[in-house]
Amino acid sequence: MALAYTVTLLADHKGMTTPRVHGDEYFVDALVDVTSIVAAGSVIPASAFGLSRINTVLITGSDNANAVLPSVETTAAGAYESGTSFALMFTSLDGTNATLANDANGGSTRVRVYGIL
């Protein structure tokens, strides 16, 4: 099954949804709604956030409507999927703590993504 998701950029207090500068990099707040999970992780590209490179991803909330816990996948060395994308993984909170595979709904995850334009 193919990955299905939507990204909604969230407006700041001035109504801006474009990346904003913070020190030497930019950041954007967004809501990622994964409607079809793939077993290897739902890979979200930097371009979905108006960025060309991703340096840091923070999960700042989730709707948990389907009793799943989102996490950002990293390697043992702390690297993301690539410099231009990250993967969301979803763990079932049904007592099995299994990583969800195909045909499950990850729900909405709020993220703050830092990177370069």
C-alpha atoms as a PDB file:
ATOM      1  CA  MET A   1       0.000   0.000   0.000  1.00  0.00           C
ATOM      2  CA  ALA A   2       1.250   3.471  -0.814  1.00  0.00           C
ATOM      3  CA  LEU A   3       1.883   6.084   1.800  1.00  0.00           C
ATOM      4  CA  ALA A   4      -0.936   8.588   2.137  1.00  0.00           C
ATOM      5  CA  TYR A   5      -0.545  11.761   4.161  1.00  0.00           C
ATOM      6  CA  THR A   6      -1.355  15.457   4.178  1.00  0.00           C
ATOM      7  CA  VAL A   7       0.694  18.270   5.678  1.00  0.00           C
ATOM      8  CA  THR A   8      -1.018  21.423   6.899  1.00  0.00           C
ATOM      9  CA  LEU A   9       1.293  24.301   7.755  1.00  0.00           C
ATOM     10  CA  LEU A  10       0.119  26.027  10.936  1.00  0.00           C
ATOM     11  CA  ALA A  11      -0.017  29.808  11.191  1.00  0.00           C
ATOM     12  CA  ASP A  12       1.948  31.647  13.853  1.00  0.00           C
ATOM     13  CA  HIS A  13       0.587  34.582  15.881  1.00  0.00           C
ATOM     14  CA  LYS A  14       1.023  36.856  12.842  1.00  0.00           C
ATOM     15  CA  GLY A  15      -0.775  34.458  10.515  1.00  0.00           C
ATOM     16  CA  MET A  16       2.398  33.351   8.685  1.00  0.00           C
ATOM     17  CA  THR A  17       2.652  29.740   7.520  1.00  0.00           C
ATOM     18  CA  THR A  18       6.006  30.027   5.733  1.00  0.00           C
ATOM     19  CA  PRO A  19       9.282  28.930   7.382  1.00  0.00           C
ATOM     20  CA  ARG A  20      10.636  31.494   9.871  1.00  0.00           C
ATOM     21  CA  VAL A  21      14.244  32.151  10.827  1.00  0.00           C
ATOM     22  CA  HIS A  22      15.610  30.998  14.185  1.00  0.00           C
ATOM     23  CA  GLY A  23      19.330  31.573  14.556  1.00  0.00           C
ATOM     24  CA  ASP A  24      21.022  30.090  11.487  1.00  0.00           C
ATOM     25  CA  GLU A  25      18.109  27.927  10.364  1.00  0.00           C
ATOM     26  CA  TYR A  26      14.401  28.100   9.666  1.00  0.00           C
ATOM     27  CA  PHE A  27      11.506  26.342  11.350  1.00  0.00           C
ATOM     28  CA  VAL A  28       7.890  25.619  10.555  1.00  0.00           C
ATOM     29  CA  ASP A  29       5.009  24.213  12.609  1.00  0.00           C
ATOM     30  CA  ALA A  30       2.791  21.717  10.842  1.00  0.00           C
ATOM     31  CA  LEU A  31       0.145  19.063  11.290  1.00  0.00           C
ATOM     32  CA  VAL A  32       0.955  15.789   9.518  1.00  0.00           C
ATOM     33  CA  ASP A  33      -2.095  13.585   8.989  1.00  0.00           C
ATOM     34  CA  VAL A  34      -0.991  10.064   8.022  1.00  0.00           C
ATOM     35  CA  THR A  35      -3.974   8.189   6.618  1.00  0.00           C
ATOM     36  CA  SER A  36      -2.144   5.077   5.447  1.00  0.00           C
ATOM     37  CA  ILE A  37       0.896   3.782   7.302  1.00  0.00           C
ATOM     38  CA  VAL A  38       3.642   1.792   5.612  1.00  0.00           C
ATOM     39  CA  ALA A  39       5.669  -0.709   7.640  1.00  0.00           C
ATOM     40  CA  ALA A  40       9.025   0.965   6.948  1.00  0.00           C
ATOM     41  CA  GLY A  41       7.760   4.308   8.278  1.00  0.00           C
ATOM     42  CA  SER A  42       5.801   7.138   6.745  1.00  0.00           C
ATOM     43  CA  VAL A  43       8.487   9.199   4.984  1.00  0.00           C
ATOM     44  CA  ILE A  44       7.710  12.917   4.857  1.00  0.00           C
ATOM     45  CA  PRO A  45       9.883  15.106   2.567  1.00  0.00           C
ATOM     46  CA  ALA A  46      11.380  18.473   3.547  1.00  0.00           C
ATOM     47  CA  SER A  47       9.611  20.062   0.582  1.00  0.00           C
ATOM     48  CA  ALA A  48       6.238  19.460   2.303  1.00  0.00           C
ATOM     49  CA  PHE A  49       7.368  22.070   4.853  1.00  0.00           C
ATOM     50  CA  GLY A  50       8.879  24.561   2.402  1.00  0.00           C
ATOM     51  CA  LEU A  51      12.401  23.435   3.309  1.00  0.00           C
ATOM     52  CA  SER A  52      15.211  21.869   1.285  1.00  0.00           C
ATOM     53  CA  ARG A  53      16.953  20.177   4.234  1.00  0.00           C
ATOM     54  CA  ILE A  54      15.785  18.900   7.624  1.00  0.00           C
ATOM     55  CA  ASN A  55      18.007  19.304  10.682  1.00  0.00           C
ATOM     56  CA  THR A  56      15.625  18.629  13.587  1.00  0.00           C
ATOM     57  CA  VAL A  57      12.071  17.314  14.003  1.00  0.00           C
ATOM     58  CA  LEU A  58      10.127  17.672  17.234  1.00  0.00           C
ATOM     59  CA  ILE A  59       6.754  16.057  17.894  1.00  0.00           C
ATOM     60  CA  THR A  60       4.704  18.663  19.727  1.00  0.00           C
ATOM     61  CA  GLY A  61       1.426  16.763  19.929  1.00  0.00           C
ATOM     62  CA  SER A  62      -0.781  14.035  18.477  1.00  0.00           C
ATOM     63  CA  ASP A  63      -4.492  13.300  18.409  1.00  0.00           C
ATOM     64  CA  ASN A  64      -4.017   9.653  19.492  1.00  0.00           C
ATOM     65  CA  ALA A  65      -7.484   8.955  18.104  1.00  0.00           C
ATOM     66  CA  ASN A  66      -6.563   5.415  17.130  1.00  0.00           C
ATOM     67  CA  ALA A  67      -4.552   4.517  20.247  1.00  0.00           C
ATOM     68  CA  VAL A  68      -1.200   4.886  18.497  1.00  0.00           C
ATOM     69  CA  LEU A  69       1.959   6.689  19.567  1.00  0.00           C
ATOM     70  CA  PRO A  70       3.924   8.511  16.861  1.00  0.00           C
ATOM     71  CA  SER A  71       7.716   8.755  16.938  1.00  0.00           C
ATOM     72  CA  VAL A  72      10.366  10.076  14.580  1.00  0.00           C
ATOM     73  CA  GLU A  73      12.560   7.224  13.355  1.00  0.00           C
ATOM     74  CA  THR A  74      16.322   7.661  13.711  1.00  0.00           C
ATOM     75  CA  THR A  75      19.354   5.446  13.248  1.00  0.00           C
ATOM     76  CA  ALA A  76      21.507   4.390  16.209  1.00  0.00           C
ATOM     77  CA  ALA A  77      23.717   7.369  15.344  1.00  0.00           C
ATOM     78  CA  GLY A  78      20.739   9.757  15.489  1.00  0.00           C
ATOM     79  CA  ALA A  79      20.304  10.330  11.739  1.00  0.00           C
ATOM     80  CA  TYR A  80      16.893  10.796  10.134  1.00  0.00           C
ATOM     81  CA  GLU A  81      15.643   8.984   7.023  1.00  0.00           C
ATOM     82  CA  SER A  82      17.862  11.353   5.001  1.00  0.00           C
ATOM     83  CA  GLY A  83      18.901  14.977   5.061  1.00  0.00           C
ATOM     84  CA  THR A  84      15.796  15.816   3.075  1.00  0.00           C
ATOM     85  CA  SER A  85      13.146  13.677   4.808  1.00  0.00           C
ATOM     86  CA  PHE A  86      12.129  12.019   8.060  1.00  0.00           C
ATOM     87  CA  ALA A  87      10.005   8.970   8.840  1.00  0.00           C
ATOM     88  CA  LEU A  88       7.133   8.780  11.300  1.00  0.00           C
ATOM     89  CA  MET A  89       6.662   5.390  12.973  1.00  0.00           C
ATOM     90  CA  PHE A  90       3.525   4.456  14.880  1.00  0.00           C
ATOM     91  CA  THR A  91       3.357   2.116  17.876  1.00  0.00           C
ATOM     92  CA  SER A  92       0.072   0.498  18.853  1.00  0.00           C
ATOM     93  CA  LEU A  93      -1.046   1.193  22.427  1.00  0.00           C
ATOM     94  CA  ASP A  94      -3.256  -1.905  22.523  1.00  0.00           C
ATOM     95  CA  GLY A  95      -0.941  -3.799  24.882  1.00  0.00           C
ATOM     96  CA  THR A  96       1.172  -5.379  22.135  1.00  0.00           C
ATOM     97  CA  ASN A  97       3.368  -2.286  21.591  1.00  0.00           C
ATOM     98  CA  ALA A  98       3.762  -3.431  17.998  1.00  0.00           C
ATOM     99  CA  THR A  99       4.914  -1.093  15.256  1.00  0.00           C
ATOM    100  CA  LEU A 100       1.963  -0.646  12.937  1.00  0.00           C
ATOM    101  CA  ALA A 101       2.198  -1.810   9.350  1.00  0.00           C
ATOM    102  CA  ASN A 102      -0.117  -1.398   6.359  1.00  0.00           C
ATOM    103  CA  ASP A 103      -3.772  -0.392   6.465  1.00  0.00           C
ATOM    104  CA  ALA A 104      -3.706   1.440   9.772  1.00  0.00           C
ATOM    105  CA  ASN A 105      -4.450   5.091  10.437  1.00  0.00           C
ATOM    106  CA  GLY A 106      -1.732   7.055  12.220  1.00  0.00           C
ATOM    107  CA  GLY A 107      -3.906  10.074  12.803  1.00  0.00           C
ATOM    108  CA  SER A 108      -2.628  13.632  13.136  1.00  0.00           C
ATOM    109  CA  THR A 109       0.792  14.487  14.531  1.00  0.00           C
ATOM    110  CA  ARG A 110       1.853  18.077  15.213  1.00  0.00           C
ATOM    111  CA  VAL A 111       5.532  18.725  14.481  1.00  0.00           C
ATOM    112  CA  ARG A 112       8.072  21.555  14.511  1.00  0.00           C
ATOM    113  CA  VAL A 113      10.624  21.050  11.763  1.00  0.00           C
ATOM    114  CA  TYR A 114      13.945  22.928  11.697  1.00  0.00           C
ATOM    115  CA  GLY A 115      15.984  23.118   8.511  1.00  0.00           C
ATOM    116  CA  ILE A 116      17.338  25.127   5.614  1.00  0.00           C
ATOM    117  CA  LEU A 117      15.346  26.833   2.850  1.00  0.00           C
END
